[in-house]
Amino acid sequence: MFDKIKKFAEKLTGTTKISYDEDYNEKNDIEELVEVKPSAEKEKFKVYIKYLQIEDANDTKKILDYIREGNYIILANYKKLKEKDAVELKRSIDKIKKTCEAANSDIVGLEENFVLIYPGFATISKEEISK
């Protein structure tokens, strides 16, 4: 039982300190004590929000890289590419959709000329806000 608790504490904090006091254990019939101290080195998970313009294939590549990283919410404006080359826009959106599927992310259209791309741990609610 103690080993399971120790492993759990190590996963949570990255450190454990075991102290053993024979007098305490004899009086209280306890095998060992575990003191858990939080690790200052543990990096917190961050989510970033990016606004990007899709003007050409290079911009699409940047978006694909952000999707693969998995911690970016991206608001992309594709108006300039739409005005320049509608076929290239379709290719870009298709590439983004395929990458989203592979990375467990999702893409949703927002009004005209915008898409929102978000990681799988986030959820978009489509319910209207009631007054």
N, C-alpha and C. Protein backbone atom coordinates (compact mmCIF):
# COMPACT_ATOMS: atom_id res chain seq x y z
N MET A 1 0.82 -1.19 0.00
CA MET A 1 0.00 0.00 0.00
C MET A 1 0.87 1.26 0.00
N PHE A 2 1.92 1.23 0.83
CA PHE A 2 2.80 2.38 0.93
C PHE A 2 3.47 2.68 -0.41
N ASP A 3 3.88 1.65 -1.13
CA ASP A 3 4.53 1.85 -2.42
C ASP A 3 3.60 2.54 -3.41
N LYS A 4 2.33 2.18 -3.39
CA LYS A 4 1.36 2.82 -4.28
C LYS A 4 1.22 4.29 -3.96
N ILE A 5 1.16 4.62 -2.68
CA ILE A 5 1.03 6.02 -2.27
C ILE A 5 2.29 6.79 -2.66
N LYS A 6 3.45 6.18 -2.47
CA LYS A 6 4.70 6.83 -2.83
C LYS A 6 4.75 7.11 -4.33
N LYS A 7 4.38 6.14 -5.16
CA LYS A 7 4.39 6.33 -6.61
C LYS A 7 3.41 7.42 -7.02
N PHE A 8 2.23 7.43 -6.39
CA PHE A 8 1.23 8.46 -6.68
C PHE A 8 1.78 9.84 -6.34
N ALA A 9 2.42 9.98 -5.18
CA ALA A 9 2.99 11.26 -4.77
C ALA A 9 4.10 11.70 -5.71
N GLU A 10 4.91 10.76 -6.17
CA GLU A 10 5.97 11.10 -7.12
C GLU A 10 5.41 11.59 -8.43
N LYS A 11 4.32 10.99 -8.88
CA LYS A 11 3.70 11.43 -10.14
C LYS A 11 3.13 12.84 -9.99
N LEU A 12 2.55 13.13 -8.84
CA LEU A 12 1.95 14.44 -8.63
C LEU A 12 2.99 15.55 -8.52
N THR A 13 4.04 15.30 -7.78
CA THR A 13 4.97 16.38 -7.46
C THR A 13 6.36 16.18 -7.99
N GLY A 14 6.74 14.98 -8.28
CA GLY A 14 8.10 14.73 -8.74
C GLY A 14 9.07 14.45 -7.61
N THR A 15 8.65 14.64 -6.35
CA THR A 15 9.54 14.37 -5.22
C THR A 15 8.77 13.73 -4.09
N THR A 16 9.45 12.91 -3.31
CA THR A 16 8.89 12.40 -2.06
C THR A 16 10.00 12.37 -1.03
N LYS A 17 9.60 12.49 0.21
CA LYS A 17 10.55 12.38 1.31
C LYS A 17 9.93 11.42 2.31
N ILE A 18 10.67 10.39 2.65
CA ILE A 18 10.17 9.40 3.58
C ILE A 18 10.85 9.61 4.93
N SER A 19 10.05 9.74 5.96
CA SER A 19 10.63 9.81 7.29
C SER A 19 10.11 8.63 8.10
N TYR A 20 11.00 8.10 8.90
CA TYR A 20 10.67 6.91 9.67
C TYR A 20 11.00 7.17 11.13
N ASP A 21 10.01 7.10 11.97
CA ASP A 21 10.18 7.32 13.40
C ASP A 21 9.69 6.07 14.13
N GLU A 22 10.64 5.30 14.69
CA GLU A 22 10.27 4.03 15.33
C GLU A 22 9.32 4.23 16.50
N ASP A 23 9.58 5.24 17.33
CA ASP A 23 8.71 5.47 18.49
C ASP A 23 7.28 5.78 18.04
N TYR A 24 7.16 6.63 17.02
CA TYR A 24 5.83 6.98 16.53
C TYR A 24 5.12 5.76 15.95
N ASN A 25 5.85 4.97 15.18
CA ASN A 25 5.26 3.81 14.54
C ASN A 25 4.84 2.74 15.55
N GLU A 26 5.63 2.56 16.60
CA GLU A 26 5.25 1.57 17.61
C GLU A 26 4.00 2.00 18.34
N LYS A 27 3.90 3.29 18.65
CA LYS A 27 2.75 3.79 19.39
C LYS A 27 1.48 3.77 18.52
N ASN A 28 1.63 4.06 17.25
CA ASN A 28 0.47 4.23 16.38
C ASN A 28 0.29 3.09 15.38
N ASP A 29 1.20 2.11 15.43
CA ASP A 29 1.09 0.94 14.57
C ASP A 29 1.05 1.32 13.08
N ILE A 30 1.92 2.25 12.70
CA ILE A 30 2.00 2.71 11.32
C ILE A 30 3.39 2.37 10.78
N GLU A 31 3.46 1.90 9.57
CA GLU A 31 4.75 1.48 9.00
C GLU A 31 5.67 2.66 8.70
N GLU A 32 5.24 3.60 7.86
CA GLU A 32 6.07 4.72 7.46
C GLU A 32 5.22 5.95 7.20
N LEU A 33 5.85 7.11 7.21
CA LEU A 33 5.19 8.37 6.89
C LEU A 33 5.75 8.89 5.58
N VAL A 34 4.92 9.59 4.82
CA VAL A 34 5.37 10.19 3.57
C VAL A 34 5.09 11.68 3.64
N GLU A 35 6.12 12.47 3.38
CA GLU A 35 5.96 13.90 3.30
C GLU A 35 6.11 14.30 1.85
N VAL A 36 5.11 14.96 1.30
CA VAL A 36 5.11 15.33 -0.11
C VAL A 36 5.33 16.83 -0.22
N LYS A 37 6.33 17.19 -1.00
CA LYS A 37 6.61 18.61 -1.24
C LYS A 37 6.44 18.89 -2.72
N PRO A 38 5.73 19.95 -3.07
CA PRO A 38 5.55 20.27 -4.50
C PRO A 38 6.87 20.62 -5.16
N SER A 39 6.97 20.24 -6.40
CA SER A 39 8.16 20.50 -7.18
C SER A 39 8.05 21.85 -7.88
N ALA A 40 9.03 22.69 -7.68
CA ALA A 40 9.03 24.00 -8.34
C ALA A 40 9.40 23.87 -9.81
N GLU A 41 10.00 22.75 -10.18
CA GLU A 41 10.47 22.55 -11.55
C GLU A 41 9.36 22.14 -12.51
N LYS A 42 8.24 21.71 -11.98
CA LYS A 42 7.16 21.21 -12.82
C LYS A 42 6.62 22.35 -13.70
N GLU A 43 6.60 22.14 -14.99
CA GLU A 43 6.13 23.15 -15.93
C GLU A 43 4.62 23.06 -16.06
N LYS A 44 3.97 24.19 -15.99
CA LYS A 44 2.52 24.23 -16.13
C LYS A 44 2.16 24.22 -17.61
N PHE A 45 1.04 23.57 -17.92
CA PHE A 45 0.57 23.50 -19.29
C PHE A 45 -0.03 24.85 -19.67
N LYS A 46 0.37 25.39 -20.79
CA LYS A 46 -0.13 26.68 -21.23
C LYS A 46 -0.88 26.53 -22.54
N VAL A 47 -1.87 27.36 -22.71
CA VAL A 47 -2.63 27.43 -23.95
C VAL A 47 -2.43 28.83 -24.51
N TYR A 48 -2.13 28.88 -25.79
CA TYR A 48 -1.89 30.15 -26.46
C TYR A 48 -3.00 30.41 -27.47
N ILE A 49 -3.30 31.68 -27.68
CA ILE A 49 -4.28 32.08 -28.68
C ILE A 49 -3.53 32.86 -29.75
N LYS A 50 -3.69 32.44 -31.00
CA LYS A 50 -2.99 33.07 -32.12
C LYS A 50 -4.00 33.61 -33.12
N TYR A 51 -3.75 34.81 -33.61
CA TYR A 51 -4.52 35.36 -34.72
C TYR A 51 -3.58 35.39 -35.92
N LEU A 52 -4.02 34.75 -37.01
CA LEU A 52 -3.18 34.69 -38.21
C LEU A 52 -3.98 35.03 -39.45
N GLN A 53 -3.27 35.52 -40.46
CA GLN A 53 -3.86 35.77 -41.77
C GLN A 53 -3.34 34.69 -42.70
N ILE A 54 -4.24 34.09 -43.46
CA ILE A 54 -3.83 33.10 -44.46
C ILE A 54 -3.78 33.81 -45.80
N GLU A 55 -2.56 34.05 -46.27
CA GLU A 55 -2.39 34.73 -47.56
C GLU A 55 -1.78 33.82 -48.62
N ASP A 56 -1.05 32.77 -48.16
CA ASP A 56 -0.43 31.85 -49.11
C ASP A 56 -0.12 30.52 -48.41
N ALA A 57 0.57 29.63 -49.14
CA ALA A 57 0.88 28.30 -48.61
C ALA A 57 1.80 28.35 -47.38
N ASN A 58 2.67 29.35 -47.31
CA ASN A 58 3.55 29.49 -46.14
C ASN A 58 2.76 29.74 -44.85
N ASP A 59 1.70 30.54 -44.96
CA ASP A 59 0.85 30.80 -43.80
C ASP A 59 0.12 29.53 -43.37
N THR A 60 -0.28 28.74 -44.34
CA THR A 60 -0.95 27.47 -44.04
C THR A 60 0.02 26.54 -43.31
N LYS A 61 1.26 26.51 -43.73
CA LYS A 61 2.27 25.67 -43.07
C LYS A 61 2.44 26.08 -41.61
N LYS A 62 2.47 27.39 -41.33
CA LYS A 62 2.58 27.88 -39.95
C LYS A 62 1.42 27.36 -39.11
N ILE A 63 0.22 27.43 -39.66
CA ILE A 63 -0.97 26.97 -38.94
C ILE A 63 -0.86 25.48 -38.66
N LEU A 64 -0.42 24.70 -39.64
CA LEU A 64 -0.28 23.25 -39.45
C LEU A 64 0.72 22.95 -38.32
N ASP A 65 1.80 23.72 -38.25
CA ASP A 65 2.78 23.53 -37.18
C ASP A 65 2.18 23.83 -35.81
N TYR A 66 1.39 24.89 -35.72
CA TYR A 66 0.74 25.23 -34.46
C TYR A 66 -0.26 24.14 -34.05
N ILE A 67 -0.99 23.61 -35.01
CA ILE A 67 -1.96 22.54 -34.71
C ILE A 67 -1.23 21.32 -34.15
N ARG A 68 -0.12 20.97 -34.74
CA ARG A 68 0.64 19.79 -34.29
C ARG A 68 1.19 19.97 -32.88
N GLU A 69 1.50 21.20 -32.49
CA GLU A 69 1.99 21.44 -31.13
C GLU A 69 0.92 21.13 -30.10
N GLY A 70 -0.34 21.37 -30.45
CA GLY A 70 -1.44 20.94 -29.60
C GLY A 70 -1.89 21.87 -28.50
N ASN A 71 -1.29 23.03 -28.35
CA ASN A 71 -1.72 23.94 -27.29
C ASN A 71 -2.03 25.35 -27.81
N TYR A 72 -2.49 25.42 -29.05
CA TYR A 72 -2.84 26.70 -29.66
C TYR A 72 -4.30 26.73 -30.07
N ILE A 73 -4.95 27.83 -29.76
CA ILE A 73 -6.26 28.15 -30.31
C ILE A 73 -5.99 29.23 -31.36
N ILE A 74 -6.41 28.95 -32.58
CA ILE A 74 -6.03 29.82 -33.71
C ILE A 74 -7.28 30.43 -34.34
N LEU A 75 -7.26 31.73 -34.47
CA LEU A 75 -8.29 32.45 -35.22
C LEU A 75 -7.61 32.90 -36.50
N ALA A 76 -8.06 32.35 -37.63
CA ALA A 76 -7.40 32.63 -38.90
C ALA A 76 -8.35 33.36 -39.85
N ASN A 77 -7.83 34.41 -40.44
CA ASN A 77 -8.56 35.21 -41.42
C ASN A 77 -8.04 34.83 -42.80
N TYR A 78 -8.95 34.33 -43.65
CA TYR A 78 -8.52 33.88 -44.98
C TYR A 78 -9.06 34.78 -46.10
N LYS A 79 -9.47 35.98 -45.80
CA LYS A 79 -10.06 36.88 -46.78
C LYS A 79 -9.11 37.20 -47.95
N LYS A 80 -7.85 37.49 -47.64
CA LYS A 80 -6.89 37.86 -48.71
C LYS A 80 -6.64 36.70 -49.66
N LEU A 81 -6.51 35.48 -49.12
CA LEU A 81 -6.31 34.31 -49.99
C LEU A 81 -7.56 34.03 -50.81
N LYS A 82 -8.71 34.24 -50.23
CA LYS A 82 -9.98 34.03 -50.94
C LYS A 82 -10.09 34.98 -52.14
N GLU A 83 -9.68 36.22 -51.93
CA GLU A 83 -9.72 37.21 -53.01
C GLU A 83 -8.66 36.92 -54.08
N LYS A 84 -7.52 36.37 -53.65
CA LYS A 84 -6.41 36.12 -54.57
C LYS A 84 -6.59 34.83 -55.36
N ASP A 85 -6.95 33.71 -54.67
CA ASP A 85 -7.01 32.41 -55.33
C ASP A 85 -7.92 31.46 -54.54
N ALA A 86 -9.14 31.30 -55.03
CA ALA A 86 -10.12 30.46 -54.33
C ALA A 86 -9.72 28.98 -54.31
N VAL A 87 -9.05 28.51 -55.36
CA VAL A 87 -8.61 27.11 -55.42
C VAL A 87 -7.55 26.85 -54.35
N GLU A 88 -6.61 27.77 -54.21
CA GLU A 88 -5.57 27.63 -53.17
C GLU A 88 -6.20 27.68 -51.77
N LEU A 89 -7.23 28.49 -51.61
CA LEU A 89 -7.93 28.54 -50.33
C LEU A 89 -8.54 27.18 -49.98
N LYS A 90 -9.18 26.54 -50.96
CA LYS A 90 -9.77 25.22 -50.73
C LYS A 90 -8.70 24.21 -50.35
N ARG A 91 -7.56 24.24 -51.04
CA ARG A 91 -6.45 23.33 -50.70
C ARG A 91 -5.97 23.57 -49.27
N SER A 92 -5.83 24.83 -48.90
CA SER A 92 -5.34 25.18 -47.56
C SER A 92 -6.31 24.68 -46.48
N ILE A 93 -7.59 24.91 -46.68
CA ILE A 93 -8.59 24.48 -45.70
C ILE A 93 -8.61 22.95 -45.61
N ASP A 94 -8.48 22.28 -46.73
CA ASP A 94 -8.44 20.80 -46.72
C ASP A 94 -7.23 20.29 -45.93
N LYS A 95 -6.06 20.91 -46.14
CA LYS A 95 -4.86 20.51 -45.39
C LYS A 95 -5.06 20.73 -43.89
N ILE A 96 -5.66 21.86 -43.55
CA ILE A 96 -5.91 22.17 -42.13
C ILE A 96 -6.87 21.14 -41.53
N LYS A 97 -7.92 20.80 -42.26
CA LYS A 97 -8.88 19.81 -41.77
C LYS A 97 -8.22 18.45 -41.53
N LYS A 98 -7.40 18.01 -42.47
CA LYS A 98 -6.71 16.71 -42.33
C LYS A 98 -5.76 16.72 -41.14
N THR A 99 -5.04 17.81 -40.96
CA THR A 99 -4.12 17.90 -39.84
C THR A 99 -4.89 17.94 -38.52
N CYS A 100 -6.02 18.62 -38.50
CA CYS A 100 -6.86 18.64 -37.29
C CYS A 100 -7.32 17.24 -36.93
N GLU A 101 -7.74 16.47 -37.92
CA GLU A 101 -8.17 15.09 -37.65
C GLU A 101 -7.03 14.27 -37.07
N ALA A 102 -5.84 14.41 -37.64
CA ALA A 102 -4.68 13.63 -37.18
C ALA A 102 -4.24 14.05 -35.78
N ALA A 103 -4.41 15.33 -35.44
CA ALA A 103 -3.93 15.86 -34.16
C ALA A 103 -5.03 15.93 -33.11
N ASN A 104 -6.18 15.33 -33.39
CA ASN A 104 -7.32 15.37 -32.47
C ASN A 104 -7.72 16.81 -32.14
N SER A 105 -7.71 17.65 -33.15
CA SER A 105 -8.14 19.05 -33.03
C SER A 105 -9.40 19.22 -33.87
N ASP A 106 -9.92 20.43 -33.88
CA ASP A 106 -11.12 20.68 -34.68
C ASP A 106 -11.05 22.07 -35.29
N ILE A 107 -11.85 22.27 -36.33
CA ILE A 107 -11.91 23.54 -37.03
C ILE A 107 -13.38 23.88 -37.23
N VAL A 108 -13.70 25.15 -37.05
CA VAL A 108 -15.08 25.60 -37.24
C VAL A 108 -15.05 26.96 -37.94
N GLY A 109 -15.98 27.16 -38.87
CA GLY A 109 -16.07 28.43 -39.57
C GLY A 109 -16.79 29.45 -38.71
N LEU A 110 -16.26 30.67 -38.72
CA LEU A 110 -16.88 31.77 -37.99
C LEU A 110 -17.22 32.87 -38.97
N GLU A 111 -18.47 33.16 -39.09
CA GLU A 111 -18.93 34.19 -40.01
C GLU A 111 -18.25 34.04 -41.37
N GLU A 112 -18.00 35.13 -42.04
CA GLU A 112 -17.37 35.05 -43.34
C GLU A 112 -15.89 35.39 -43.19
N ASN A 113 -15.04 34.60 -43.82
CA ASN A 113 -13.60 34.83 -43.89
C ASN A 113 -12.80 34.43 -42.64
N PHE A 114 -13.41 33.77 -41.66
CA PHE A 114 -12.68 33.37 -40.46
C PHE A 114 -12.92 31.90 -40.15
N VAL A 115 -11.86 31.25 -39.63
CA VAL A 115 -12.00 29.91 -39.07
C VAL A 115 -11.36 29.92 -37.68
N LEU A 116 -11.90 29.09 -36.82
CA LEU A 116 -11.36 28.91 -35.48
C LEU A 116 -10.86 27.47 -35.39
N ILE A 117 -9.61 27.31 -35.02
CA ILE A 117 -8.99 25.99 -34.91
C ILE A 117 -8.60 25.82 -33.45
N TYR A 118 -9.03 24.70 -32.86
CA TYR A 118 -8.78 24.52 -31.43
C TYR A 118 -8.43 23.07 -31.12
N PRO A 119 -7.65 22.85 -30.05
CA PRO A 119 -7.22 21.49 -29.69
C PRO A 119 -8.37 20.65 -29.14
N GLY A 120 -8.17 19.35 -29.10
CA GLY A 120 -9.21 18.42 -28.70
C GLY A 120 -9.68 18.55 -27.27
N PHE A 121 -8.86 19.12 -26.37
CA PHE A 121 -9.29 19.25 -24.98
C PHE A 121 -10.27 20.40 -24.79
N ALA A 122 -10.43 21.26 -25.79
CA ALA A 122 -11.37 22.37 -25.71
C ALA A 122 -12.68 21.98 -26.41
N THR A 123 -13.76 22.60 -25.99
CA THR A 123 -15.07 22.34 -26.57
C THR A 123 -15.72 23.66 -26.93
N ILE A 124 -16.31 23.71 -28.09
CA ILE A 124 -17.04 24.90 -28.53
C ILE A 124 -18.53 24.64 -28.31
N SER A 125 -19.16 25.50 -27.55
CA SER A 125 -20.59 25.38 -27.31
C SER A 125 -21.33 26.21 -28.35
N LYS A 126 -22.32 25.61 -28.98
CA LYS A 126 -23.07 26.33 -30.02
C LYS A 126 -24.43 26.77 -29.50
N GLU A 127 -24.63 26.65 -28.19
CA GLU A 127 -25.89 27.09 -27.59
C GLU A 127 -25.90 28.61 -27.48
N GLU A 128 -27.09 29.17 -27.65
CA GLU A 128 -27.22 30.61 -27.50
C GLU A 128 -27.27 30.96 -26.02
N ILE A 129 -26.76 32.11 -25.71
CA ILE A 129 -26.78 32.57 -24.33
C ILE A 129 -28.18 33.11 -24.03
N SER A 130 -28.79 32.58 -22.99
CA SER A 130 -30.14 33.03 -22.65
C SER A 130 -30.04 34.26 -21.77
N LYS A 131 -31.00 35.13 -21.94
CA LYS A 131 -31.01 36.39 -21.18
C LYS A 131 -31.89 36.28 -19.97
